[in-house]
Amino acid sequence: MNTLTGLIGHVPAPAAYAILAAAVLAESVLLLGAFIPTLTLLLAAGALARTGDLNLVLVIAIAAGAVVAGDALGHRAGHLLGSRLRTGRLGRRIPTAASAAASPPPPGSEPKRSWPDAAVRPSSCPASFPSYAP
């Protein structure tokens, strides 16, 4: 066991929940999954819940809440810093084609599609059927 998972077994329950939430949040926001063993930490929290030291429902709720909050914060950071990351020193090293493929199309540039079209209407469907009318 490493230090973080060993720590969760030797602290009071409220502190264990806080450590769990902080680790999961840090992995989601900061992309530190290689350095923070959250899977091992979650397994240790589950084992502690099995022994009765922690509440399993609370462990699941805290982990789920932390990962949702981390994803939302990561999305917000990308929204605020995305243009700086693309035009910065490291962003200029990414090929233009790869950067364009990863970026969403500008609003209004997508072609208008009328679906269902007369070309895809099944032959058994009458043309007067309102949702299939061209």
C-alpha atoms as a PDB file:
ATOM      1  CA  MET A   1       0.000   0.000   0.000  1.00  0.00           C
ATOM      2  CA  ASN A   2       1.196   3.479  -0.665  1.00  0.00           C
ATOM      3  CA  THR A   3       1.106   6.435   1.667  1.00  0.00           C
ATOM      4  CA  LEU A   4      -2.221   7.874   0.518  1.00  0.00           C
ATOM      5  CA  THR A   5      -4.177   4.646   0.827  1.00  0.00           C
ATOM      6  CA  GLY A   6      -2.484   3.824   4.129  1.00  0.00           C
ATOM      7  CA  LEU A   7      -3.427   7.263   5.395  1.00  0.00           C
ATOM      8  CA  ILE A   8      -7.124   6.805   4.724  1.00  0.00           C
ATOM      9  CA  GLY A   9      -7.272   3.871   7.150  1.00  0.00           C
ATOM     10  CA  HIS A  10      -5.676   5.805  10.026  1.00  0.00           C
ATOM     11  CA  VAL A  11      -7.706   9.028   9.959  1.00  0.00           C
ATOM     12  CA  PRO A  12     -11.182   9.753  11.302  1.00  0.00           C
ATOM     13  CA  ALA A  13     -14.080   9.160   8.904  1.00  0.00           C
ATOM     14  CA  PRO A  14     -14.737  12.852   8.033  1.00  0.00           C
ATOM     15  CA  ALA A  15     -11.070  13.313   7.128  1.00  0.00           C
ATOM     16  CA  ALA A  16     -11.133  10.111   5.057  1.00  0.00           C
ATOM     17  CA  TYR A  17     -14.098  11.432   3.096  1.00  0.00           C
ATOM     18  CA  ALA A  18     -12.269  14.751   2.550  1.00  0.00           C
ATOM     19  CA  ILE A  19      -9.110  12.960   1.357  1.00  0.00           C
ATOM     20  CA  LEU A  20     -11.194  10.858  -1.010  1.00  0.00           C
ATOM     21  CA  ALA A  21     -13.007  13.890  -2.424  1.00  0.00           C
ATOM     22  CA  ALA A  22      -9.792  15.888  -2.823  1.00  0.00           C
ATOM     23  CA  ALA A  23      -7.991  13.035  -4.584  1.00  0.00           C
ATOM     24  CA  VAL A  24     -10.833  12.343  -7.022  1.00  0.00           C
ATOM     25  CA  LEU A  25     -11.321  16.056  -7.698  1.00  0.00           C
ATOM     26  CA  ALA A  26      -7.594  16.588  -8.296  1.00  0.00           C
ATOM     27  CA  GLU A  27      -7.471  13.669 -10.712  1.00  0.00           C
ATOM     28  CA  SER A  28     -10.426  15.005 -12.705  1.00  0.00           C
ATOM     29  CA  VAL A  29      -9.384  18.644 -12.832  1.00  0.00           C
ATOM     30  CA  LEU A  30      -5.621  18.546 -12.922  1.00  0.00           C
ATOM     31  CA  LEU A  31      -5.200  15.293 -14.868  1.00  0.00           C
ATOM     32  CA  LEU A  32      -2.891  13.950 -12.206  1.00  0.00           C
ATOM     33  CA  GLY A  33      -4.180  10.398 -12.478  1.00  0.00           C
ATOM     34  CA  ALA A  34      -0.680   9.047 -12.980  1.00  0.00           C
ATOM     35  CA  PHE A  35       0.468  10.578  -9.701  1.00  0.00           C
ATOM     36  CA  ILE A  36      -2.642  10.141  -7.515  1.00  0.00           C
ATOM     37  CA  PRO A  37      -3.705   6.520  -7.080  1.00  0.00           C
ATOM     38  CA  THR A  38      -7.434   7.208  -6.990  1.00  0.00           C
ATOM     39  CA  LEU A  39      -8.451   3.700  -8.010  1.00  0.00           C
ATOM     40  CA  THR A  40      -6.438   2.228  -5.165  1.00  0.00           C
ATOM     41  CA  LEU A  41      -7.836   4.893  -2.855  1.00  0.00           C
ATOM     42  CA  LEU A  42     -11.404   4.062  -3.892  1.00  0.00           C
ATOM     43  CA  LEU A  43     -10.755   0.356  -3.377  1.00  0.00           C
ATOM     44  CA  ALA A  44      -9.339   1.088   0.081  1.00  0.00           C
ATOM     45  CA  ALA A  45     -12.381   3.230   0.902  1.00  0.00           C
ATOM     46  CA  GLY A  46     -14.616   0.376  -0.255  1.00  0.00           C
ATOM     47  CA  ALA A  47     -12.716  -2.048   1.977  1.00  0.00           C
ATOM     48  CA  LEU A  48     -13.094   0.338   4.902  1.00  0.00           C
ATOM     49  CA  ALA A  49     -16.792   0.578   4.136  1.00  0.00           C
ATOM     50  CA  ARG A  50     -16.966  -3.217   4.252  1.00  0.00           C
ATOM     51  CA  THR A  51     -15.411  -3.238   7.712  1.00  0.00           C
ATOM     52  CA  GLY A  52     -17.844  -0.557   8.872  1.00  0.00           C
ATOM     53  CA  ASP A  53     -15.365   2.310   9.262  1.00  0.00           C
ATOM     54  CA  LEU A  54     -16.906   4.256   6.364  1.00  0.00           C
ATOM     55  CA  ASN A  55     -20.385   4.379   4.868  1.00  0.00           C
ATOM     56  CA  LEU A  56     -20.413   2.867   1.354  1.00  0.00           C
ATOM     57  CA  VAL A  57     -23.274   5.039   0.110  1.00  0.00           C
ATOM     58  CA  LEU A  58     -21.432   8.138   1.298  1.00  0.00           C
ATOM     59  CA  VAL A  59     -18.179   6.962  -0.335  1.00  0.00           C
ATOM     60  CA  ILE A  60     -19.981   6.471  -3.661  1.00  0.00           C
ATOM     61  CA  ALA A  61     -21.810   9.810  -3.383  1.00  0.00           C
ATOM     62  CA  ILE A  62     -18.631  11.711  -2.509  1.00  0.00           C
ATOM     63  CA  ALA A  63     -16.640  10.082  -5.303  1.00  0.00           C
ATOM     64  CA  ALA A  64     -19.383  10.709  -7.865  1.00  0.00           C
ATOM     65  CA  GLY A  65     -19.856  14.303  -6.737  1.00  0.00           C
ATOM     66  CA  ALA A  66     -16.129  14.973  -6.827  1.00  0.00           C
ATOM     67  CA  VAL A  67     -15.707  13.556 -10.311  1.00  0.00           C
ATOM     68  CA  VAL A  68     -18.675  15.546 -11.659  1.00  0.00           C
ATOM     69  CA  ALA A  69     -17.357  18.717 -10.036  1.00  0.00           C
ATOM     70  CA  GLY A  70     -13.873  17.982 -11.384  1.00  0.00           C
ATOM     71  CA  ASP A  71     -15.165  17.472 -14.902  1.00  0.00           C
ATOM     72  CA  ALA A  72     -17.177  20.691 -14.715  1.00  0.00           C
ATOM     73  CA  LEU A  73     -14.159  22.628 -13.438  1.00  0.00           C
ATOM     74  CA  GLY A  74     -11.945  21.085 -16.121  1.00  0.00           C
ATOM     75  CA  HIS A  75     -14.449  22.042 -18.801  1.00  0.00           C
ATOM     76  CA  ARG A  76     -14.625  25.577 -17.426  1.00  0.00           C
ATOM     77  CA  ALA A  77     -10.832  25.864 -17.350  1.00  0.00           C
ATOM     78  CA  GLY A  78     -10.670  24.660 -20.957  1.00  0.00           C
ATOM     79  CA  HIS A  79     -13.304  27.177 -21.950  1.00  0.00           C
ATOM     80  CA  LEU A  80     -11.441  30.038 -20.280  1.00  0.00           C
ATOM     81  CA  LEU A  81      -7.894  29.020 -21.188  1.00  0.00           C
ATOM     82  CA  GLY A  82      -8.439  27.097 -24.438  1.00  0.00           C
ATOM     83  CA  SER A  83      -7.446  29.888 -26.795  1.00  0.00           C
ATOM     84  CA  ARG A  84      -4.311  30.633 -24.771  1.00  0.00           C
ATOM     85  CA  LEU A  85      -3.359  26.978 -24.795  1.00  0.00           C
ATOM     86  CA  ARG A  86      -3.738  26.783 -28.584  1.00  0.00           C
ATOM     87  CA  THR A  87      -1.737  29.949 -29.287  1.00  0.00           C
ATOM     88  CA  GLY A  88       0.868  29.486 -26.547  1.00  0.00           C
ATOM     89  CA  ARG A  89       4.339  28.019 -26.880  1.00  0.00           C
ATOM     90  CA  LEU A  90       3.201  24.413 -26.503  1.00  0.00           C
ATOM     91  CA  GLY A  91       0.050  24.893 -28.571  1.00  0.00           C
ATOM     92  CA  ARG A  92       2.017  26.079 -31.580  1.00  0.00           C
ATOM     93  CA  ARG A  93       3.738  22.684 -31.703  1.00  0.00           C
ATOM     94  CA  ILE A  94       0.453  20.926 -32.473  1.00  0.00           C
ATOM     95  CA  PRO A  95      -0.054  20.541 -36.246  1.00  0.00           C
ATOM     96  CA  THR A  96      -2.763  22.777 -37.692  1.00  0.00           C
ATOM     97  CA  ALA A  97      -4.738  19.834 -39.087  1.00  0.00           C
ATOM     98  CA  ALA A  98      -4.879  18.135 -35.683  1.00  0.00           C
ATOM     99  CA  SER A  99      -5.902  21.359 -33.969  1.00  0.00           C
ATOM    100  CA  ALA A 100      -8.633  22.005 -36.541  1.00  0.00           C
ATOM    101  CA  ALA A 101      -9.955  18.465 -36.201  1.00  0.00           C
ATOM    102  CA  ALA A 102     -10.205  18.837 -32.416  1.00  0.00           C
ATOM    103  CA  SER A 103     -11.970  22.216 -32.565  1.00  0.00           C
ATOM    104  CA  PRO A 104     -15.730  22.432 -33.032  1.00  0.00           C
ATOM    105  CA  PRO A 105     -16.994  23.996 -36.260  1.00  0.00           C
ATOM    106  CA  PRO A 106     -17.969  27.669 -36.054  1.00  0.00           C
ATOM    107  CA  PRO A 107     -21.679  28.318 -35.460  1.00  0.00           C
ATOM    108  CA  GLY A 108     -23.738  28.389 -38.632  1.00  0.00           C
ATOM    109  CA  SER A 109     -21.184  26.506 -40.740  1.00  0.00           C
ATOM    110  CA  GLU A 110     -22.950  23.148 -40.582  1.00  0.00           C
ATOM    111  CA  PRO A 111     -25.166  22.320 -43.561  1.00  0.00           C
ATOM    112  CA  LYS A 112     -28.888  22.247 -42.920  1.00  0.00           C
ATOM    113  CA  ARG A 113     -30.283  18.767 -43.105  1.00  0.00           C
ATOM    114  CA  SER A 114     -33.901  17.971 -43.695  1.00  0.00           C
ATOM    115  CA  TRP A 115     -34.496  14.580 -42.249  1.00  0.00           C
ATOM    116  CA  PRO A 116     -36.413  12.497 -43.049  1.00  0.00           C
ATOM    117  CA  ASP A 117     -35.974  13.205 -46.711  1.00  0.00           C
ATOM    118  CA  ALA A 118     -38.133  11.934 -49.541  1.00  0.00           C
ATOM    119  CA  ALA A 119     -35.182   9.802 -50.686  1.00  0.00           C
ATOM    120  CA  VAL A 120     -35.143   7.847 -47.418  1.00  0.00           C
ATOM    121  CA  ARG A 121     -38.916   7.495 -47.038  1.00  0.00           C
ATOM    122  CA  PRO A 122     -39.933   3.838 -46.874  1.00  0.00           C
ATOM    123  CA  SER A 123     -42.081   2.726 -49.767  1.00  0.00           C
ATOM    124  CA  SER A 124     -44.778   1.503 -47.389  1.00  0.00           C
ATOM    125  CA  CYS A 125     -45.201   4.998 -45.919  1.00  0.00           C
ATOM    126  CA  PRO A 126     -47.687   7.215 -47.763  1.00  0.00           C
ATOM    127  CA  ALA A 127     -46.418  10.569 -48.975  1.00  0.00           C
ATOM    128  CA  SER A 128     -49.271  12.287 -47.158  1.00  0.00           C
ATOM    129  CA  PHE A 129     -47.947  11.142 -43.756  1.00  0.00           C
ATOM    130  CA  PRO A 130     -47.101  14.494 -42.076  1.00  0.00           C
ATOM    131  CA  SER A 131     -43.709  13.600 -40.579  1.00  0.00           C
ATOM    132  CA  TYR A 132     -42.486  12.192 -43.903  1.00  0.00           C
ATOM    133  CA  ALA A 133     -43.749  14.984 -46.129  1.00  0.00           C
ATOM    134  CA  PRO A 134     -40.909  16.673 -48.025  1.00  0.00           C
END
